[in-house]
Amino acid sequence: PWGCFPKLPPATLTAAAGFPWRLANLVYGIFDVAGTPSVDAFGARRLVETARDLQYFADCYCPDRAARRDPEVSPLLGDLAGMPPAIFTAGTEDALIDDTLLMHAAWTGAGNR
């Protein structure tokens, strides 16, 4: 559901939000709009986007850099307890691999599957 940008804040995925999600399929998501090491290290290589492209998308999505630390903007930083089971997909040459690995760790660390 977050796709390239976190379109849905974590609270939207909980059953308390009125929709009983059975599974979240999280593919190529920017889960920390402030940036992760893999985005910074990706540089000018282009597989899908370059690091500069991802920075541009983040600037368009949330121009206020301080606000990027808000869990409603960067779900990786939020309370992920009570989330539905999830599938996380990332490629080894993915500029967002750290977003996916860190989100998976936070997701399971919060007691989710």
PDB file of N, CA and C in Angstrom:
ATOM      1  N   PRO A   1       0.781  -1.198   0.000  1.00  0.00           N
ATOM      2  CA  PRO A   1       0.000   0.000   0.000  1.00  0.00           C
ATOM      3  C   PRO A   1       0.834   1.279   0.000  1.00  0.00           C
ATOM      4  N   TRP A   2       2.071   1.256   0.503  1.00  0.00           N
ATOM      5  CA  TRP A   2       2.839   2.487   0.509  1.00  0.00           C
ATOM      6  C   TRP A   2       3.478   2.760  -0.838  1.00  0.00           C
ATOM      7  N   GLY A   3       3.659   1.748  -1.639  1.00  0.00           N
ATOM      8  CA  GLY A   3       4.236   1.958  -2.966  1.00  0.00           C
ATOM      9  C   GLY A   3       5.523   2.726  -2.875  1.00  0.00           C
ATOM     10  N   CYS A   4       5.719   3.658  -3.763  1.00  0.00           N
ATOM     11  CA  CYS A   4       6.948   4.435  -3.768  1.00  0.00           C
ATOM     12  C   CYS A   4       6.984   5.439  -2.625  1.00  0.00           C
ATOM     13  N   PHE A   5       5.855   5.926  -2.206  1.00  0.00           N
ATOM     14  CA  PHE A   5       5.788   6.846  -1.078  1.00  0.00           C
ATOM     15  C   PHE A   5       4.769   6.332  -0.082  1.00  0.00           C
ATOM     16  N   PRO A   6       4.922   6.684   1.187  1.00  0.00           N
ATOM     17  CA  PRO A   6       3.989   6.195   2.206  1.00  0.00           C
ATOM     18  C   PRO A   6       2.621   6.860   2.080  1.00  0.00           C
ATOM     19  N   LYS A   7       1.792   6.340   1.207  1.00  0.00           N
ATOM     20  CA  LYS A   7       0.486   6.938   0.951  1.00  0.00           C
ATOM     21  C   LYS A   7      -0.476   6.710   2.113  1.00  0.00           C
ATOM     22  N   LEU A   8      -0.243   5.657   2.859  1.00  0.00           N
ATOM     23  CA  LEU A   8      -1.108   5.344   3.984  1.00  0.00           C
ATOM     24  C   LEU A   8      -0.283   5.340   5.261  1.00  0.00           C
ATOM     25  N   PRO A   9      -0.646   6.136   6.249  1.00  0.00           N
ATOM     26  CA  PRO A   9       0.079   6.083   7.520  1.00  0.00           C
ATOM     27  C   PRO A   9      -0.181   4.749   8.205  1.00  0.00           C
ATOM     28  N   PRO A  10       0.713   4.312   9.096  1.00  0.00           N
ATOM     29  CA  PRO A  10       0.545   3.006   9.747  1.00  0.00           C
ATOM     30  C   PRO A  10      -0.824   2.800  10.364  1.00  0.00           C
ATOM     31  N   ALA A  11      -1.421   3.822  10.958  1.00  0.00           N
ATOM     32  CA  ALA A  11      -2.723   3.664  11.608  1.00  0.00           C
ATOM     33  C   ALA A  11      -3.798   3.214  10.621  1.00  0.00           C
ATOM     34  N   THR A  12      -3.633   3.532   9.353  1.00  0.00           N
ATOM     35  CA  THR A  12      -4.623   3.173   8.339  1.00  0.00           C
ATOM     36  C   THR A  12      -4.670   1.666   8.116  1.00  0.00           C
ATOM     37  N   LEU A  13      -3.569   0.973   8.399  1.00  0.00           N
ATOM     38  CA  LEU A  13      -3.529  -0.462   8.154  1.00  0.00           C
ATOM     39  C   LEU A  13      -4.072  -1.295   9.304  1.00  0.00           C
ATOM     40  N   THR A  14      -4.350  -0.702  10.428  1.00  0.00           N
ATOM     41  CA  THR A  14      -4.821  -1.472  11.571  1.00  0.00           C
ATOM     42  C   THR A  14      -6.298  -1.776  11.449  1.00  0.00           C
ATOM     43  N   ALA A  15      -6.715  -2.870  12.051  1.00  0.00           N
ATOM     44  CA  ALA A  15      -8.129  -3.237  12.039  1.00  0.00           C
ATOM     45  C   ALA A  15      -8.975  -2.157  12.698  1.00  0.00           C
ATOM     46  N   ALA A  16      -8.385  -1.423  13.647  1.00  0.00           N
ATOM     47  CA  ALA A  16      -9.126  -0.354  14.321  1.00  0.00           C
ATOM     48  C   ALA A  16      -9.523   0.753  13.354  1.00  0.00           C
ATOM     49  N   ALA A  17      -8.843   0.850  12.223  1.00  0.00           N
ATOM     50  CA  ALA A  17      -9.178   1.869  11.231  1.00  0.00           C
ATOM     51  C   ALA A  17     -10.450   1.495  10.469  1.00  0.00           C
ATOM     52  N   GLY A  18     -11.023   0.337  10.784  1.00  0.00           N
ATOM     53  CA  GLY A  18     -12.291  -0.043  10.187  1.00  0.00           C
ATOM     54  C   GLY A  18     -12.175  -0.960   8.979  1.00  0.00           C
ATOM     55  N   PHE A  19     -10.962  -1.340   8.605  1.00  0.00           N
ATOM     56  CA  PHE A  19     -10.780  -2.242   7.475  1.00  0.00           C
ATOM     57  C   PHE A  19      -9.839  -3.353   7.906  1.00  0.00           C
ATOM     58  N   PRO A  20     -10.300  -4.565   7.988  1.00  0.00           N
ATOM     59  CA  PRO A  20      -9.461  -5.667   8.478  1.00  0.00           C
ATOM     60  C   PRO A  20      -8.490  -6.191   7.403  1.00  0.00           C
ATOM     61  N   TRP A  21      -7.344  -5.578   7.316  1.00  0.00           N
ATOM     62  CA  TRP A  21      -6.331  -6.003   6.347  1.00  0.00           C
ATOM     63  C   TRP A  21      -5.896  -7.428   6.658  1.00  0.00           C
ATOM     64  N   ARG A  22      -5.784  -8.247   5.628  1.00  0.00           N
ATOM     65  CA  ARG A  22      -5.306  -9.619   5.805  1.00  0.00           C
ATOM     66  C   ARG A  22      -3.822  -9.724   5.488  1.00  0.00           C
ATOM     67  N   LEU A  23      -3.322  -8.850   4.605  1.00  0.00           N
ATOM     68  CA  LEU A  23      -1.918  -8.894   4.212  1.00  0.00           C
ATOM     69  C   LEU A  23      -1.531  -7.561   3.586  1.00  0.00           C
ATOM     70  N   ALA A  24      -0.364  -7.075   3.924  1.00  0.00           N
ATOM     71  CA  ALA A  24       0.189  -5.884   3.275  1.00  0.00           C
ATOM     72  C   ALA A  24       1.317  -6.349   2.365  1.00  0.00           C
ATOM     73  N   ASN A  25       1.323  -5.907   1.126  1.00  0.00           N
ATOM     74  CA  ASN A  25       2.368  -6.244   0.163  1.00  0.00           C
ATOM     75  C   ASN A  25       3.183  -4.971  -0.071  1.00  0.00           C
ATOM     76  N   LEU A  26       4.332  -4.868   0.564  1.00  0.00           N
ATOM     77  CA  LEU A  26       5.139  -3.648   0.548  1.00  0.00           C
ATOM     78  C   LEU A  26       6.301  -3.823  -0.422  1.00  0.00           C
ATOM     79  N   VAL A  27       6.202  -3.139  -1.560  1.00  0.00           N
ATOM     80  CA  VAL A  27       7.163  -3.273  -2.648  1.00  0.00           C
ATOM     81  C   VAL A  27       7.775  -1.909  -2.950  1.00  0.00           C
ATOM     82  N   TYR A  28       9.084  -1.837  -2.935  1.00  0.00           N
ATOM     83  CA  TYR A  28       9.830  -0.641  -3.344  1.00  0.00           C
ATOM     84  C   TYR A  28       9.296   0.608  -2.665  1.00  0.00           C
ATOM     85  N   GLY A  29       9.241   0.572  -1.347  1.00  0.00           N
ATOM     86  CA  GLY A  29       8.697   1.700  -0.605  1.00  0.00           C
ATOM     87  C   GLY A  29       9.769   2.605  -0.038  1.00  0.00           C
ATOM     88  N   ILE A  30       9.469   3.883  -0.010  1.00  0.00           N
ATOM     89  CA  ILE A  30      10.303   4.828   0.730  1.00  0.00           C
ATOM     90  C   ILE A  30       9.657   4.934   2.105  1.00  0.00           C
ATOM     91  N   PHE A  31      10.212   4.233   3.057  1.00  0.00           N
ATOM     92  CA  PHE A  31       9.622   4.163   4.379  1.00  0.00           C
ATOM     93  C   PHE A  31      10.222   5.188   5.331  1.00  0.00           C
ATOM     94  N   ASP A  32      11.345   5.784   4.940  1.00  0.00           N
ATOM     95  CA  ASP A  32      11.946   6.887   5.690  1.00  0.00           C
ATOM     96  C   ASP A  32      12.273   7.980   4.675  1.00  0.00           C
ATOM     97  N   VAL A  33      11.410   8.971   4.577  1.00  0.00           N
ATOM     98  CA  VAL A  33      11.549  10.022   3.567  1.00  0.00           C
ATOM     99  C   VAL A  33      12.803  10.864   3.808  1.00  0.00           C
ATOM    100  N   ALA A  34      13.337  10.841   5.029  1.00  0.00           N
ATOM    101  CA  ALA A  34      14.579  11.566   5.317  1.00  0.00           C
ATOM    102  C   ALA A  34      15.777  10.898   4.642  1.00  0.00           C
ATOM    103  N   GLY A  35      15.626   9.647   4.232  1.00  0.00           N
ATOM    104  CA  GLY A  35      16.690   8.951   3.519  1.00  0.00           C
ATOM    105  C   GLY A  35      17.372   7.896   4.365  1.00  0.00           C
ATOM    106  N   THR A  36      17.805   6.841   3.701  1.00  0.00           N
ATOM    107  CA  THR A  36      18.543   5.762   4.350  1.00  0.00           C
ATOM    108  C   THR A  36      19.901   5.633   3.659  1.00  0.00           C
ATOM    109  N   PRO A  37      20.841   4.916   4.276  1.00  0.00           N
ATOM    110  CA  PRO A  37      22.187   4.823   3.696  1.00  0.00           C
ATOM    111  C   PRO A  37      22.229   4.313   2.252  1.00  0.00           C
ATOM    112  N   SER A  38      21.373   3.361   1.908  1.00  0.00           N
ATOM    113  CA  SER A  38      21.439   2.822   0.543  1.00  0.00           C
ATOM    114  C   SER A  38      21.043   3.870  -0.498  1.00  0.00           C
ATOM    115  N   VAL A  39      20.120   4.765  -0.151  1.00  0.00           N
ATOM    116  CA  VAL A  39      19.756   5.845  -1.073  1.00  0.00           C
ATOM    117  C   VAL A  39      20.944   6.787  -1.235  1.00  0.00           C
ATOM    118  N   ASP A  40      21.549   7.170  -0.114  1.00  0.00           N
ATOM    119  CA  ASP A  40      22.705   8.071  -0.163  1.00  0.00           C
ATOM    120  C   ASP A  40      23.851   7.467  -0.971  1.00  0.00           C
ATOM    121  N   ALA A  41      24.065   6.167  -0.833  1.00  0.00           N
ATOM    122  CA  ALA A  41      25.190   5.502  -1.497  1.00  0.00           C
ATOM    123  C   ALA A  41      24.922   5.169  -2.954  1.00  0.00           C
ATOM    124  N   PHE A  42      23.674   5.213  -3.371  1.00  0.00           N
ATOM    125  CA  PHE A  42      23.322   4.764  -4.717  1.00  0.00           C
ATOM    126  C   PHE A  42      23.913   5.648  -5.808  1.00  0.00           C
ATOM    127  N   GLY A  43      23.984   6.930  -5.537  1.00  0.00           N
ATOM    128  CA  GLY A  43      24.631   7.849  -6.471  1.00  0.00           C
ATOM    129  C   GLY A  43      23.868   8.044  -7.766  1.00  0.00           C
ATOM    130  N   ALA A  44      24.624   8.186  -8.848  1.00  0.00           N
ATOM    131  CA  ALA A  44      24.045   8.524 -10.150  1.00  0.00           C
ATOM    132  C   ALA A  44      23.653   7.301 -10.975  1.00  0.00           C
ATOM    133  N   ARG A  45      23.897   6.102 -10.447  1.00  0.00           N
ATOM    134  CA  ARG A  45      23.468   4.907 -11.189  1.00  0.00           C
ATOM    135  C   ARG A  45      21.973   4.964 -11.425  1.00  0.00           C
ATOM    136  N   ARG A  46      21.543   4.485 -12.557  1.00  0.00           N
ATOM    137  CA  ARG A  46      20.104   4.465 -12.835  1.00  0.00           C
ATOM    138  C   ARG A  46      19.685   3.032 -13.155  1.00  0.00           C
ATOM    139  N   LEU A  47      18.915   2.450 -12.237  1.00  0.00           N
ATOM    140  CA  LEU A  47      18.199   1.214 -12.515  1.00  0.00           C
ATOM    141  C   LEU A  47      16.732   1.575 -12.694  1.00  0.00           C
ATOM    142  N   VAL A  48      16.177   2.236 -11.706  1.00  0.00           N
ATOM    143  CA  VAL A  48      14.844   2.829 -11.808  1.00  0.00           C
ATOM    144  C   VAL A  48      15.012   4.326 -11.623  1.00  0.00           C
ATOM    145  N   GLU A  49      15.485   4.709 -10.431  1.00  0.00           N
ATOM    146  CA  GLU A  49      15.766   6.115 -10.147  1.00  0.00           C
ATOM    147  C   GLU A  49      17.195   6.240  -9.623  1.00  0.00           C
ATOM    148  N   THR A  50      17.747   7.424  -9.771  1.00  0.00           N
ATOM    149  CA  THR A  50      19.038   7.731  -9.168  1.00  0.00           C
ATOM    150  C   THR A  50      18.779   8.260  -7.750  1.00  0.00           C
ATOM    151  N   ALA A  51      19.838   8.402  -6.975  1.00  0.00           N
ATOM    152  CA  ALA A  51      19.709   8.991  -5.641  1.00  0.00           C
ATOM    153  C   ALA A  51      19.141  10.409  -5.745  1.00  0.00           C
ATOM    154  N   ARG A  52      19.567  11.141  -6.764  1.00  0.00           N
ATOM    155  CA  ARG A  52      19.063  12.511  -6.962  1.00  0.00           C
ATOM    156  C   ARG A  52      17.559  12.501  -7.266  1.00  0.00           C
ATOM    157  N   ASP A  53      17.100  11.546  -8.073  1.00  0.00           N
ATOM    158  CA  ASP A  53      15.663  11.418  -8.354  1.00  0.00           C
ATOM    159  C   ASP A  53      14.875  11.172  -7.064  1.00  0.00           C
ATOM    160  N   LEU A  54      15.374  10.276  -6.228  1.00  0.00           N
ATOM    161  CA  LEU A  54      14.687   9.957  -4.983  1.00  0.00           C
ATOM    162  C   LEU A  54      14.646  11.173  -4.055  1.00  0.00           C
ATOM    163  N   GLN A  55      15.727  11.953  -4.049  1.00  0.00           N
ATOM    164  CA  GLN A  55      15.740  13.184  -3.250  1.00  0.00           C
ATOM    165  C   GLN A  55      14.689  14.165  -3.782  1.00  0.00           C
ATOM    166  N   TYR A  56      14.597  14.272  -5.097  1.00  0.00           N
ATOM    167  CA  TYR A  56      13.591  15.146  -5.717  1.00  0.00           C
ATOM    168  C   TYR A  56      12.178  14.709  -5.315  1.00  0.00           C
ATOM    169  N   PHE A  57      11.906  13.406  -5.367  1.00  0.00           N
ATOM    170  CA  PHE A  57      10.590  12.905  -4.981  1.00  0.00           C
ATOM    171  C   PHE A  57      10.302  13.244  -3.519  1.00  0.00           C
ATOM    172  N   ALA A  58      11.305  13.056  -2.656  1.00  0.00           N
ATOM    173  CA  ALA A  58      11.135  13.372  -1.235  1.00  0.00           C
ATOM    174  C   ALA A  58      10.865  14.868  -1.048  1.00  0.00           C
ATOM    175  N   ASP A  59      11.597  15.704  -1.795  1.00  0.00           N
ATOM    176  CA  ASP A  59      11.386  17.152  -1.698  1.00  0.00           C
ATOM    177  C   ASP A  59       9.985  17.542  -2.139  1.00  0.00           C
ATOM    178  N   CYS A  60       9.475  16.899  -3.170  1.00  0.00           N
ATOM    179  CA  CYS A  60       8.115  17.189  -3.640  1.00  0.00           C
ATOM    180  C   CYS A  60       7.078  16.695  -2.644  1.00  0.00           C
ATOM    181  N   TYR A  61       7.289  15.505  -2.098  1.00  0.00           N
ATOM    182  CA  TYR A  61       6.340  14.897  -1.176  1.00  0.00           C
ATOM    183  C   TYR A  61       6.293  15.647   0.154  1.00  0.00           C
ATOM    184  N   CYS A  62       7.469  16.016   0.670  1.00  0.00           N
ATOM    185  CA  CYS A  62       7.549  16.672   1.973  1.00  0.00           C
ATOM    186  C   CYS A  62       8.701  17.668   1.962  1.00  0.00           C
ATOM    187  N   PRO A  63       8.449  18.882   1.494  1.00  0.00           N
ATOM    188  CA  PRO A  63       9.516  19.890   1.411  1.00  0.00           C
ATOM    189  C   PRO A  63      10.140  20.249   2.756  1.00  0.00           C
ATOM    190  N   ASP A  64       9.372  20.147   3.824  1.00  0.00           N
ATOM    191  CA  ASP A  64       9.869  20.473   5.163  1.00  0.00           C
ATOM    192  C   ASP A  64      10.707  19.304   5.685  1.00  0.00           C
ATOM    193  N   ARG A  65      12.018  19.467   5.666  1.00  0.00           N
ATOM    194  CA  ARG A  65      12.911  18.370   6.067  1.00  0.00           C
ATOM    195  C   ARG A  65      12.689  17.920   7.502  1.00  0.00           C
ATOM    196  N   ALA A  66      12.358  18.839   8.396  1.00  0.00           N
ATOM    197  CA  ALA A  66      12.097  18.458   9.790  1.00  0.00           C
ATOM    198  C   ALA A  66      10.858  17.571   9.884  1.00  0.00           C
ATOM    199  N   ALA A  67       9.864  17.832   9.054  1.00  0.00           N
ATOM    200  CA  ALA A  67       8.625  17.047   9.076  1.00  0.00           C
ATOM    201  C   ALA A  67       8.840  15.626   8.578  1.00  0.00           C
ATOM    202  N   ARG A  68       9.930  15.360   7.915  1.00  0.00           N
ATOM    203  CA  ARG A  68      10.209  14.007   7.415  1.00  0.00           C
ATOM    204  C   ARG A  68      10.457  13.016   8.547  1.00  0.00           C
ATOM    205  N   ARG A  69      10.662  13.517   9.760  1.00  0.00           N
ATOM    206  CA  ARG A  69      10.856  12.651  10.920  1.00  0.00           C
ATOM    207  C   ARG A  69       9.515  12.271  11.547  1.00  0.00           C
ATOM    208  N   ASP A  70       8.415  12.809  11.030  1.00  0.00           N
ATOM    209  CA  ASP A  70       7.081  12.503  11.524  1.00  0.00           C
ATOM    210  C   ASP A  70       6.668  11.125  10.998  1.00  0.00           C
ATOM    211  N   PRO A  71       6.219  10.218  11.858  1.00  0.00           N
ATOM    212  CA  PRO A  71       5.799   8.889  11.407  1.00  0.00           C
ATOM    213  C   PRO A  71       4.687   8.899  10.361  1.00  0.00           C
ATOM    214  N   GLU A  72       3.904   9.962  10.311  1.00  0.00           N
ATOM    215  CA  GLU A  72       2.874  10.049   9.275  1.00  0.00           C
ATOM    216  C   GLU A  72       3.505  10.263   7.897  1.00  0.00           C
ATOM    217  N   VAL A  73       4.727  10.758   7.877  1.00  0.00           N
ATOM    218  CA  VAL A  73       5.464  10.976   6.629  1.00  0.00           C
ATOM    219  C   VAL A  73       6.422   9.818   6.380  1.00  0.00           C
ATOM    220  N   SER A  74       7.113   9.382   7.419  1.00  0.00           N
ATOM    221  CA  SER A  74       8.092   8.295   7.345  1.00  0.00           C
ATOM    222  C   SER A  74       7.633   7.166   8.260  1.00  0.00           C
ATOM    223  N   PRO A  75       6.838   6.236   7.744  1.00  0.00           N
ATOM    224  CA  PRO A  75       6.233   5.200   8.589  1.00  0.00           C
ATOM    225  C   PRO A  75       7.248   4.325   9.316  1.00  0.00           C
ATOM    226  N   LEU A  76       8.472   4.243   8.825  1.00  0.00           N
ATOM    227  CA  LEU A  76       9.504   3.473   9.509  1.00  0.00           C
ATOM    228  C   LEU A  76       9.689   3.971  10.943  1.00  0.00           C
ATOM    229  N   LEU A  77       9.411   5.234  11.190  1.00  0.00           N
ATOM    230  CA  LEU A  77       9.631   5.857  12.497  1.00  0.00           C
ATOM    231  C   LEU A  77       8.415   5.760  13.409  1.00  0.00           C
ATOM    232  N   GLY A  78       7.353   5.134  12.933  1.00  0.00           N
ATOM    233  CA  GLY A  78       6.106   5.083  13.695  1.00  0.00           C
ATOM    234  C   GLY A  78       5.973   3.836  14.551  1.00  0.00           C
ATOM    235  N   ASP A  79       4.876   3.785  15.283  1.00  0.00           N
ATOM    236  CA  ASP A  79       4.510   2.630  16.089  1.00  0.00           C
ATOM    237  C   ASP A  79       3.850   1.625  15.152  1.00  0.00           C
ATOM    238  N   LEU A  80       4.501   0.509  14.941  1.00  0.00           N
ATOM    239  CA  LEU A  80       4.009  -0.481  13.982  1.00  0.00           C
ATOM    240  C   LEU A  80       3.295  -1.648  14.650  1.00  0.00           C
ATOM    241  N   ALA A  81       3.044  -1.555  15.946  1.00  0.00           N
ATOM    242  CA  ALA A  81       2.343  -2.633  16.646  1.00  0.00           C
ATOM    243  C   ALA A  81       0.946  -2.811  16.065  1.00  0.00           C
ATOM    244  N   GLY A  82       0.519  -4.056  15.952  1.00  0.00           N
ATOM    245  CA  GLY A  82      -0.834  -4.352  15.502  1.00  0.00           C
ATOM    246  C   GLY A  82      -1.027  -4.331  13.998  1.00  0.00           C
ATOM    247  N   MET A  83       0.064  -4.327  13.258  1.00  0.00           N
ATOM    248  CA  MET A  83      -0.047  -4.322  11.798  1.00  0.00           C
ATOM    249  C   MET A  83      -0.383  -5.724  11.281  1.00  0.00           C
ATOM    250  N   PRO A  84      -0.961  -5.806  10.091  1.00  0.00           N
ATOM    251  CA  PRO A  84      -1.272  -7.116   9.513  1.00  0.00           C
ATOM    252  C   PRO A  84       0.012  -7.810   9.064  1.00  0.00           C
ATOM    253  N   PRO A  85      -0.062  -9.097   8.758  1.00  0.00           N
ATOM    254  CA  PRO A  85       1.093  -9.758   8.160  1.00  0.00           C
ATOM    255  C   PRO A  85       1.505  -9.019   6.889  1.00  0.00           C
ATOM    256  N   ALA A  86       2.781  -9.096   6.553  1.00  0.00           N
ATOM    257  CA  ALA A  86       3.268  -8.358   5.386  1.00  0.00           C
ATOM    258  C   ALA A  86       4.303  -9.152   4.613  1.00  0.00           C
ATOM    259  N   ILE A  87       4.348  -8.857   3.329  1.00  0.00           N
ATOM    260  CA  ILE A  87       5.394  -9.352   2.436  1.00  0.00           C
ATOM    261  C   ILE A  87       6.215  -8.133   2.036  1.00  0.00           C
ATOM    262  N   PHE A  88       7.531  -8.244   2.168  1.00  0.00           N
ATOM    263  CA  PHE A  88       8.445  -7.162   1.787  1.00  0.00           C
ATOM    264  C   PHE A  88       9.267  -7.626   0.605  1.00  0.00           C
ATOM    265  N   THR A  89       9.329  -6.816  -0.436  1.00  0.00           N
ATOM    266  CA  THR A  89      10.071  -7.170  -1.639  1.00  0.00           C
ATOM    267  C   THR A  89      11.122  -6.115  -1.915  1.00  0.00           C
ATOM    268  N   ALA A  90      12.347  -6.575  -2.145  1.00  0.00           N
ATOM    269  CA  ALA A  90      13.448  -5.663  -2.494  1.00  0.00           C
ATOM    270  C   ALA A  90      14.432  -6.426  -3.365  1.00  0.00           C
ATOM    271  N   GLY A  91      15.097  -5.706  -4.246  1.00  0.00           N
ATOM    272  CA  GLY A  91      16.148  -6.296  -5.059  1.00  0.00           C
ATOM    273  C   GLY A  91      17.511  -5.956  -4.475  1.00  0.00           C
ATOM    274  N   THR A  92      18.484  -6.772  -4.761  1.00  0.00           N
ATOM    275  CA  THR A  92      19.825  -6.526  -4.211  1.00  0.00           C
ATOM    276  C   THR A  92      20.472  -5.296  -4.832  1.00  0.00           C
ATOM    277  N   GLU A  93      19.988  -4.849  -5.982  1.00  0.00           N
ATOM    278  CA  GLU A  93      20.500  -3.632  -6.627  1.00  0.00           C
ATOM    279  C   GLU A  93      19.515  -2.475  -6.460  1.00  0.00           C
ATOM    280  N   ASP A  94      18.698  -2.544  -5.449  1.00  0.00           N
ATOM    281  CA  ASP A  94      17.628  -1.587  -5.196  1.00  0.00           C
ATOM    282  C   ASP A  94      18.158  -0.429  -4.358  1.00  0.00           C
ATOM    283  N   ALA A  95      17.972   0.796  -4.819  1.00  0.00           N
ATOM    284  CA  ALA A  95      18.398   1.967  -4.044  1.00  0.00           C
ATOM    285  C   ALA A  95      17.661   2.046  -2.713  1.00  0.00           C
ATOM    286  N   LEU A  96      16.499   1.436  -2.638  1.00  0.00           N
ATOM    287  CA  LEU A  96      15.685   1.487  -1.421  1.00  0.00           C
ATOM    288  C   LEU A  96      15.790   0.218  -0.576  1.00  0.00           C
ATOM    289  N   ILE A  97      16.842  -0.564  -0.792  1.00  0.00           N
ATOM    290  CA  ILE A  97      16.949  -1.823  -0.053  1.00  0.00           C
ATOM    291  C   ILE A  97      16.993  -1.591   1.456  1.00  0.00           C
ATOM    292  N   ASP A  98      17.680  -0.541   1.912  1.00  0.00           N
ATOM    293  CA  ASP A  98      17.715  -0.275   3.347  1.00  0.00           C
ATOM    294  C   ASP A  98      16.337   0.087   3.885  1.00  0.00           C
ATOM    295  N   ASP A  99      15.557   0.838   3.125  1.00  0.00           N
ATOM    296  CA  ASP A  99      14.193   1.145   3.561  1.00  0.00           C
ATOM    297  C   ASP A  99      13.426  -0.149   3.809  1.00  0.00           C
ATOM    298  N   THR A 100      13.544  -1.094   2.875  1.00  0.00           N
ATOM    299  CA  THR A 100      12.810  -2.351   2.993  1.00  0.00           C
ATOM    300  C   THR A 100      13.332  -3.194   4.147  1.00  0.00           C
ATOM    301  N   LEU A 101      14.655  -3.337   4.259  1.00  0.00           N
ATOM    302  CA  LEU A 101      15.219  -4.162   5.335  1.00  0.00           C
ATOM    303  C   LEU A 101      14.933  -3.552   6.709  1.00  0.00           C
ATOM    304  N   LEU A 102      15.060  -2.242   6.828  1.00  0.00           N
ATOM    305  CA  LEU A 102      14.789  -1.587   8.104  1.00  0.00           C
ATOM    306  C   LEU A 102      13.301  -1.660   8.464  1.00  0.00           C
ATOM    307  N   MET A 103      12.428  -1.501   7.467  1.00  0.00           N
ATOM    308  CA  MET A 103      10.993  -1.592   7.737  1.00  0.00           C
ATOM    309  C   MET A 103      10.620  -3.014   8.141  1.00  0.00           C
ATOM    310  N   HIS A 104      11.189  -4.000   7.472  1.00  0.00           N
ATOM    311  CA  HIS A 104      10.921  -5.392   7.855  1.00  0.00           C
ATOM    312  C   HIS A 104      11.348  -5.638   9.298  1.00  0.00           C
ATOM    313  N   ALA A 105      12.536  -5.156   9.674  1.00  0.00           N
ATOM    314  CA  ALA A 105      13.022  -5.337  11.043  1.00  0.00           C
ATOM    315  C   ALA A 105      12.105  -4.634  12.048  1.00  0.00           C
ATOM    316  N   ALA A 106      11.670  -3.420  11.723  1.00  0.00           N
ATOM    317  CA  ALA A 106      10.769  -2.688  12.618  1.00  0.00           C
ATOM    318  C   ALA A 106       9.412  -3.383  12.699  1.00  0.00           C
ATOM    319  N   TRP A 107       8.929  -3.872  11.559  1.00  0.00           N
ATOM    320  CA  TRP A 107       7.625  -4.552  11.482  1.00  0.00           C
ATOM    321  C   TRP A 107       7.626  -5.795  12.364  1.00  0.00           C
ATOM    322  N   THR A 108       8.627  -6.636  12.182  1.00  0.00           N
ATOM    323  CA  THR A 108       8.692  -7.871  12.981  1.00  0.00           C
ATOM    324  C   THR A 108       9.078  -7.558  14.427  1.00  0.00           C
ATOM    325  N   GLY A 109       9.905  -6.531  14.637  1.00  0.00           N
ATOM    326  CA  GLY A 109      10.274  -6.135  15.995  1.00  0.00           C
ATOM    327  C   GLY A 109       9.082  -5.649  16.806  1.00  0.00           C
ATOM    328  N   ALA A 110       8.060  -5.181  16.113  1.00  0.00           N
ATOM    329  CA  ALA A 110       6.836  -4.719  16.781  1.00  0.00           C
ATOM    330  C   ALA A 110       5.854  -5.876  17.016  1.00  0.00           C
ATOM    331  N   GLY A 111       6.300  -7.112  16.707  1.00  0.00           N
ATOM    332  CA  GLY A 111       5.476  -8.277  16.955  1.00  0.00           C
ATOM    333  C   GLY A 111       4.579  -8.694  15.812  1.00  0.00           C
ATOM    334  N   ASN A 112       4.804  -8.126  14.652  1.00  0.00           N
ATOM    335  CA  ASN A 112       3.991  -8.477  13.481  1.00  0.00           C
ATOM    336  C   ASN A 112       4.675  -9.583  12.691  1.00  0.00           C
ATOM    337  N   ARG A 113       3.902 -10.223  11.804  1.00  0.00           N
ATOM    338  CA  ARG A 113       4.467 -11.246  10.918  1.00  0.00           C
ATOM    339  C   ARG A 113       4.741 -10.647   9.565  1.00  0.00           C
TER     340      ARG A 113
END
